[in-house]
Amino acid sequence: MPEIYTVIVPVGGGGIVSGISVVRKSLSRMARVIGVQSEDNPALVEVYHGRDTVISVKESIADGMITKEASDLTLSIIKKNVDDMVPVTEEEIEKSLLAFTG
């Protein structure tokens, strides 16, 4: 779908956003790929923005997005192809789930 310019991807360990970003950028370098991760468990958001932090895992509605770290390979792909990594609130995650499930 070349008319889609921005893709927002939930991030856990980074594998899915890495794969989506490689494919999307190969189709259009103008496309934007934005990763989102719970602000309560922001390990990859912090690393993406160059901050070293100690992450203590907290309970989340998005338990599949919880990770303490990503592999070096995954991080290199994310840093090359993902345009931004953004923390989101638990409320925002819940609203997005409800929007897509009806």
C-alpha atoms as a PDB file:
ATOM      1  CA  MET A   1       0.000   0.000   0.000  1.00  0.00           C
ATOM      2  CA  PRO A   2       2.254   2.808  -1.220  1.00  0.00           C
ATOM      3  CA  GLU A   3      -0.219   5.489  -0.121  1.00  0.00           C
ATOM      4  CA  ILE A   4       0.457   4.660   3.540  1.00  0.00           C
ATOM      5  CA  TYR A   5       3.247   6.942   4.659  1.00  0.00           C
ATOM      6  CA  THR A   6       3.330   6.291   8.402  1.00  0.00           C
ATOM      7  CA  VAL A   7       3.198   2.924  10.124  1.00  0.00           C
ATOM      8  CA  ILE A   8       2.871   2.722  13.901  1.00  0.00           C
ATOM      9  CA  VAL A   9       4.159  -0.552  15.337  1.00  0.00           C
ATOM     10  CA  PRO A  10       3.892  -1.849  18.903  1.00  0.00           C
ATOM     11  CA  VAL A  11       7.337  -2.846  20.172  1.00  0.00           C
ATOM     12  CA  GLY A  12       8.360  -5.565  22.580  1.00  0.00           C
ATOM     13  CA  GLY A  13      11.742  -7.083  21.825  1.00  0.00           C
ATOM     14  CA  GLY A  14      11.991  -5.250  18.523  1.00  0.00           C
ATOM     15  CA  GLY A  15      11.771  -8.131  16.047  1.00  0.00           C
ATOM     16  CA  ILE A  16       8.446  -7.174  14.483  1.00  0.00           C
ATOM     17  CA  VAL A  17       9.240  -3.468  14.145  1.00  0.00           C
ATOM     18  CA  SER A  18      12.619  -4.405  12.647  1.00  0.00           C
ATOM     19  CA  GLY A  19      11.009  -6.592   9.991  1.00  0.00           C
ATOM     20  CA  ILE A  20       8.242  -4.124   9.190  1.00  0.00           C
ATOM     21  CA  SER A  21      10.737  -1.271   8.946  1.00  0.00           C
ATOM     22  CA  VAL A  22      13.000  -3.158   6.529  1.00  0.00           C
ATOM     23  CA  VAL A  23      10.093  -4.013   4.225  1.00  0.00           C
ATOM     24  CA  ARG A  24       8.423  -0.596   4.455  1.00  0.00           C
ATOM     25  CA  LYS A  25      11.667   1.309   3.821  1.00  0.00           C
ATOM     26  CA  SER A  26      12.514  -0.960   0.882  1.00  0.00           C
ATOM     27  CA  LEU A  27       9.201   0.016  -0.699  1.00  0.00           C
ATOM     28  CA  SER A  28       9.540   3.721   0.046  1.00  0.00           C
ATOM     29  CA  ARG A  29      12.334   5.586   1.798  1.00  0.00           C
ATOM     30  CA  MET A  30       9.778   8.367   2.386  1.00  0.00           C
ATOM     31  CA  ALA A  31       7.686   6.091   4.608  1.00  0.00           C
ATOM     32  CA  ARG A  32       7.850   6.690   8.340  1.00  0.00           C
ATOM     33  CA  VAL A  33       7.972   3.852  10.830  1.00  0.00           C
ATOM     34  CA  ILE A  34       7.189   4.752  14.436  1.00  0.00           C
ATOM     35  CA  GLY A  35       7.616   2.243  17.250  1.00  0.00           C
ATOM     36  CA  VAL A  36       5.493   2.537  20.387  1.00  0.00           C
ATOM     37  CA  GLN A  37       6.103   0.942  23.750  1.00  0.00           C
ATOM     38  CA  SER A  38       4.384   1.254  27.108  1.00  0.00           C
ATOM     39  CA  GLU A  39       5.786   4.117  29.154  1.00  0.00           C
ATOM     40  CA  ASP A  40       5.750   1.696  32.102  1.00  0.00           C
ATOM     41  CA  ASN A  41       8.159  -0.692  30.294  1.00  0.00           C
ATOM     42  CA  PRO A  42      10.123   1.534  27.883  1.00  0.00           C
ATOM     43  CA  ALA A  43      13.373  -0.429  27.475  1.00  0.00           C
ATOM     44  CA  LEU A  44      13.729  -0.031  23.703  1.00  0.00           C
ATOM     45  CA  VAL A  45      12.417   3.546  23.700  1.00  0.00           C
ATOM     46  CA  GLU A  46      15.158   4.462  26.162  1.00  0.00           C
ATOM     47  CA  VAL A  47      17.913   2.669  24.242  1.00  0.00           C
ATOM     48  CA  TYR A  48      16.727   4.130  20.912  1.00  0.00           C
ATOM     49  CA  HIS A  49      17.089   7.630  22.357  1.00  0.00           C
ATOM     50  CA  GLY A  50      20.533   6.860  23.735  1.00  0.00           C
ATOM     51  CA  ARG A  51      19.597   6.639  27.386  1.00  0.00           C
ATOM     52  CA  ASP A  52      20.942   3.858  29.575  1.00  0.00           C
ATOM     53  CA  THR A  53      18.375   2.867  32.143  1.00  0.00           C
ATOM     54  CA  VAL A  54      17.657   0.046  34.489  1.00  0.00           C
ATOM     55  CA  ILE A  55      14.197  -1.206  33.650  1.00  0.00           C
ATOM     56  CA  SER A  56      12.045  -2.854  36.292  1.00  0.00           C
ATOM     57  CA  VAL A  57       9.203  -4.718  34.637  1.00  0.00           C
ATOM     58  CA  LYS A  58       5.742  -3.485  35.572  1.00  0.00           C
ATOM     59  CA  GLU A  59       2.378  -5.081  34.909  1.00  0.00           C
ATOM     60  CA  SER A  60       0.836  -3.938  31.623  1.00  0.00           C
ATOM     61  CA  ILE A  61      -2.253  -4.431  29.514  1.00  0.00           C
ATOM     62  CA  ALA A  62       0.263  -5.014  26.716  1.00  0.00           C
ATOM     63  CA  ASP A  63       2.260  -7.810  28.326  1.00  0.00           C
ATOM     64  CA  GLY A  64       3.547  -8.913  24.899  1.00  0.00           C
ATOM     65  CA  MET A  65       5.373  -5.588  24.626  1.00  0.00           C
ATOM     66  CA  ILE A  66       7.439  -6.104  27.774  1.00  0.00           C
ATOM     67  CA  THR A  67      11.153  -6.692  27.380  1.00  0.00           C
ATOM     68  CA  LYS A  68      14.302  -5.698  29.203  1.00  0.00           C
ATOM     69  CA  GLU A  69      16.544  -5.527  26.135  1.00  0.00           C
ATOM     70  CA  ALA A  70      16.887  -6.286  22.444  1.00  0.00           C
ATOM     71  CA  SER A  71      19.670  -8.017  20.567  1.00  0.00           C
ATOM     72  CA  ASP A  72      22.437  -5.958  19.000  1.00  0.00           C
ATOM     73  CA  LEU A  73      21.232  -7.005  15.514  1.00  0.00           C
ATOM     74  CA  THR A  74      17.669  -5.904  16.227  1.00  0.00           C
ATOM     75  CA  LEU A  75      18.846  -2.586  17.653  1.00  0.00           C
ATOM     76  CA  SER A  76      21.029  -1.881  14.625  1.00  0.00           C
ATOM     77  CA  ILE A  77      18.065  -2.432  12.300  1.00  0.00           C
ATOM     78  CA  ILE A  78      15.807  -0.266  14.464  1.00  0.00           C
ATOM     79  CA  LYS A  79      18.344   2.564  14.588  1.00  0.00           C
ATOM     80  CA  LYS A  80      18.762   2.421  10.807  1.00  0.00           C
ATOM     81  CA  ASN A  81      15.107   2.140   9.749  1.00  0.00           C
ATOM     82  CA  VAL A  82      12.775   3.271  12.538  1.00  0.00           C
ATOM     83  CA  ASP A  83      12.097   7.003  12.487  1.00  0.00           C
ATOM     84  CA  ASP A  84      11.116   7.332  16.127  1.00  0.00           C
ATOM     85  CA  MET A  85      10.305   5.314  19.224  1.00  0.00           C
ATOM     86  CA  VAL A  86       7.584   6.773  21.428  1.00  0.00           C
ATOM     87  CA  PRO A  87       6.333   5.812  24.885  1.00  0.00           C
ATOM     88  CA  VAL A  88       2.557   5.487  25.197  1.00  0.00           C
ATOM     89  CA  THR A  89       0.323   5.311  28.247  1.00  0.00           C
ATOM     90  CA  GLU A  90      -1.610   2.241  29.318  1.00  0.00           C
ATOM     91  CA  GLU A  91      -4.794   4.226  28.584  1.00  0.00           C
ATOM     92  CA  GLU A  92      -3.633   4.923  25.008  1.00  0.00           C
ATOM     93  CA  ILE A  93      -2.872   1.239  24.488  1.00  0.00           C
ATOM     94  CA  GLU A  94      -6.305   0.264  25.795  1.00  0.00           C
ATOM     95  CA  LYS A  95      -8.058   2.820  23.569  1.00  0.00           C
ATOM     96  CA  SER A  96      -6.191   1.584  20.494  1.00  0.00           C
ATOM     97  CA  LEU A  97      -7.158  -2.013  21.267  1.00  0.00           C
ATOM     98  CA  LEU A  98     -10.804  -1.041  21.642  1.00  0.00           C
ATOM     99  CA  ALA A  99     -10.711   0.963  18.406  1.00  0.00           C
ATOM    100  CA  PHE A 100      -9.604  -2.088  16.429  1.00  0.00           C
ATOM    101  CA  THR A 101     -11.726  -4.709  18.155  1.00  0.00           C
ATOM    102  CA  GLY A 102     -14.977  -2.800  18.096  1.00  0.00           C
END
